[in-house]
Protein backbone atom coordinates (compact mmCIF):
# COMPACT_ATOMS: atom_id res chain seq x y z
CA UNK A 1 81.96 184.66 38.03
CA UNK A 2 78.91 186.53 39.55
CA UNK A 3 81.21 189.15 40.84
CA UNK A 4 82.84 189.76 37.84
CA UNK A 5 79.29 190.13 35.96
CA UNK A 6 78.03 192.43 38.63
CA UNK A 7 81.04 194.81 38.48
CA UNK A 8 80.85 194.60 34.74
CA UNK A 9 77.21 195.52 34.45
CA UNK A 10 77.66 198.10 37.19
CA UNK A 11 80.40 199.97 35.24
CA UNK A 12 78.17 199.67 32.15
CA UNK A 13 75.18 201.57 33.99
CA UNK A 14 77.52 203.94 35.44
CA UNK A 15 79.40 204.87 32.34
CA UNK A 16 76.23 205.24 30.15
CA UNK A 17 74.86 207.36 33.01
CA UNK A 18 77.86 209.31 32.99
CA UNK A 19 77.79 209.63 29.34
CA UNK A 20 73.92 211.01 29.55
CA UNK A 21 75.15 213.56 31.94
CA UNK A 22 77.93 214.99 29.97
CA UNK A 23 76.86 214.58 26.23
CA UNK A 24 75.44 217.20 24.33
CA UNK A 25 73.85 215.10 21.63
CA UNK A 26 70.30 214.05 22.55
CA UNK A 27 70.21 211.10 20.42
CA UNK A 28 73.58 209.79 22.00
CA UNK A 29 71.84 210.56 25.52
CA UNK A 30 68.93 208.51 24.32
CA UNK A 31 71.23 205.43 23.32
CA UNK A 32 73.12 205.88 26.43
CA UNK A 33 69.94 205.46 28.49
CA UNK A 34 69.19 202.47 26.52
CA UNK A 35 72.57 200.93 27.76
CA UNK A 36 72.10 202.13 31.38
CA UNK A 37 68.42 200.51 31.44
CA UNK A 38 69.77 197.12 30.22
CA UNK A 39 72.46 197.31 32.71
CA UNK A 40 70.17 197.72 35.45
CA UNK A 41 68.02 195.03 34.10
CA UNK A 42 71.00 192.60 34.16
CA UNK A 43 71.66 193.61 37.78
CA UNK A 44 68.12 192.68 38.47
CA UNK A 45 68.74 189.29 37.14
CA UNK A 46 71.96 188.63 39.04
CA UNK A 47 69.93 189.64 42.27
CA UNK A 48 67.46 187.06 41.39
CA UNK A 49 64.59 189.47 40.73
CA UNK A 50 63.46 188.25 37.40
CA UNK A 51 60.16 189.91 37.27
CA UNK A 52 61.70 193.26 37.70
CA UNK A 53 64.27 192.63 35.05
CA UNK A 54 61.45 191.63 32.66
CA UNK A 55 59.36 194.76 33.65
CA UNK A 56 62.61 196.86 33.07
CA UNK A 57 63.08 195.58 29.81
CA UNK A 58 59.50 195.62 28.51
CA UNK A 59 58.16 198.80 30.03
CA UNK A 60 61.37 201.25 30.23
CA UNK A 61 63.43 200.10 27.16
CA UNK A 62 60.53 198.81 25.14
CA UNK A 63 58.14 201.36 25.83
CA UNK A 64 59.48 204.51 27.29
CA UNK A 65 62.75 204.82 25.62
CA UNK A 66 61.41 203.87 22.14
CA UNK A 67 58.78 206.71 22.65
CA UNK A 68 61.52 208.97 23.73
CA UNK A 69 63.60 208.02 20.50
CA UNK A 70 60.61 208.51 18.36
CA UNK A 71 59.76 211.96 19.95
CA UNK A 72 63.43 213.01 19.18
CA UNK A 73 63.38 211.89 15.64
CA UNK A 74 60.05 213.32 14.97
CA UNK A 75 60.45 216.70 16.41
CA UNK A 76 63.89 217.50 15.30
CA UNK A 77 64.19 220.34 13.03
CA UNK A 78 67.86 221.53 12.19
CA UNK A 79 68.77 224.90 12.20
CA UNK A 80 69.87 226.25 8.62
CA UNK A 81 73.25 227.80 9.85
CA UNK A 82 74.69 225.58 12.55
CA UNK A 83 73.48 221.88 12.58
CA UNK A 84 72.94 221.68 8.71
CA UNK A 85 76.32 220.05 7.82
CA UNK A 86 76.88 217.92 11.03
CA UNK A 87 73.10 216.73 10.87
CA UNK A 88 73.18 216.57 14.94
CA UNK A 89 70.69 216.91 17.78
CA UNK A 90 72.35 218.93 20.28
CA UNK A 91 71.09 220.68 23.18
CA UNK A 92 71.25 224.55 23.47
CA UNK A 93 73.17 224.78 26.97
CA UNK A 94 75.70 222.84 28.84
CA UNK A 95 75.90 222.83 32.37
CA UNK A 96 78.47 220.40 33.18
CA UNK A 97 79.46 221.92 36.26
CA UNK A 98 76.03 221.74 38.15
CA UNK A 99 75.20 218.40 36.71
CA UNK A 100 78.74 216.98 37.79
CA UNK A 101 78.07 218.48 41.27
CA UNK A 102 74.77 217.00 41.42
CA UNK A 103 75.92 213.69 40.43
CA UNK A 104 78.97 213.72 42.90
CA UNK A 105 76.63 214.52 45.70
CA UNK A 106 73.96 212.00 44.87
CA UNK A 107 77.22 209.48 44.53
CA UNK A 108 78.58 210.73 47.89
CA UNK A 109 75.15 210.19 49.72
CA UNK A 110 74.64 206.70 48.20
CA UNK A 111 78.15 205.67 48.88
CA UNK A 112 77.92 206.55 52.51
CA UNK A 113 74.58 204.61 52.78
CA UNK A 114 76.31 201.56 51.34
CA UNK A 115 79.23 201.89 53.71
CA UNK A 116 76.98 202.25 56.74
CA UNK A 117 74.52 199.54 55.93
CA UNK A 118 74.55 196.26 57.76
CA UNK A 119 74.71 193.51 55.03
CA UNK A 120 75.57 190.59 57.45
CA UNK A 121 71.91 189.97 57.77
CA UNK A 122 71.72 188.81 54.32
CA UNK A 123 74.08 185.70 54.98
CA UNK A 124 72.08 184.91 58.29
CA UNK A 125 70.83 181.40 58.42
CA UNK A 126 67.45 182.44 59.84
CA UNK A 127 66.83 184.19 56.68
CA UNK A 128 67.79 181.47 54.20
CA UNK A 129 64.64 179.54 55.49
CA UNK A 130 62.53 182.33 54.28
CA UNK A 131 64.09 183.04 50.78
CA UNK A 132 62.15 181.43 48.25
CA UNK A 133 64.13 178.91 46.16
CA UNK A 134 61.70 179.33 43.04
CA UNK A 135 60.98 182.08 40.59
CA UNK A 136 58.39 184.82 41.69
CA UNK A 137 57.33 185.19 38.06
CA UNK A 138 54.67 182.61 38.46
CA UNK A 139 53.29 183.57 41.88
CA UNK A 140 53.00 187.38 40.55
CA UNK A 141 51.31 185.96 37.42
CA UNK A 142 48.70 183.88 39.34
CA UNK A 143 47.93 186.70 42.07
CA UNK A 144 47.47 189.42 38.82
CA UNK A 145 45.03 186.87 37.13
CA UNK A 146 43.06 186.06 40.39
CA UNK A 147 43.40 188.35 43.36
CA UNK A 148 44.00 191.71 41.50
CA UNK A 149 42.39 191.11 38.37
CA UNK A 150 40.12 194.07 38.50
CA UNK A 151 43.22 196.43 39.11
CA UNK A 152 44.94 194.84 36.09
CA UNK A 153 42.02 195.28 33.66
CA UNK A 154 41.34 199.01 35.05
CA UNK A 155 45.15 200.01 34.32
CA UNK A 156 44.83 198.38 30.96
CA UNK A 157 41.89 200.26 30.06
CA UNK A 158 43.63 203.74 31.40
CA UNK A 159 46.46 202.85 29.15
CA UNK A 160 44.20 202.16 26.25
CA UNK A 161 42.43 205.70 26.75
CA UNK A 162 45.67 207.29 26.94
CA UNK A 163 46.77 205.74 23.64
CA UNK A 164 43.66 206.79 21.99
CA UNK A 165 43.80 210.12 23.23
CA UNK A 166 47.46 210.71 22.24
CA UNK A 167 46.63 209.40 18.78
CA UNK A 168 43.56 211.76 18.40
CA UNK A 169 45.75 214.75 19.60
CA UNK A 170 48.35 213.78 16.96
CA UNK A 171 45.72 213.63 14.24
CA UNK A 172 44.41 217.06 15.03
CA UNK A 173 47.89 218.54 14.78
CA UNK A 174 48.39 217.33 11.30
CA UNK A 175 45.21 219.04 10.08
C-alpha cells in the first residue's frame, strides 16, 4: 500500500512539474506548482519526515505560493487586442525545446544517481537501532525554544522587518 501511495504522489509531483514546464498560462503554472509542492510534502510524510512535510506546506504552499499567486493576480494587465476575449495570463515566449532538454538532462543525471546508489544500507540491522521510533517534531520544537531560541527570534524579527518594508514600498507606489 505504501508503494502505491509513493508511486501515486511521485507521479503527481512529476506530472505537475512537467505541466509547469510546458504551459504558457502563468496562473495554471502556479496552480500546478501547488500540486507539485503538495506531492513533495506527501512524499515527506511517507518518508517519516513529518517536520519537513509540515514546513513544506506552511512555508512553500502557504506562504510563497500564495504570494506568487497574489503577485500574478495584482500585476496582470490584459492587452487590449490579444488577451481581452480569453482573459488569460500568458507568457510572451515559449521555449519548449530548451526547457525539455534541460529537464531531460536533469532527469538523466538523477536517474543515473538513483541507479548507482547503494540502498542496501537502509535495511541493515545496525542502522535500525539508530533510527528513532518516535516523531522528530517534539525534539525540534524543544531545541528551537531552548537551545536555539536566540536565532529563532532574530529570524522572526528579520521577517517582520521585511514585511513592514514591503508594506511601506507598496504604500509609496499607490501615492
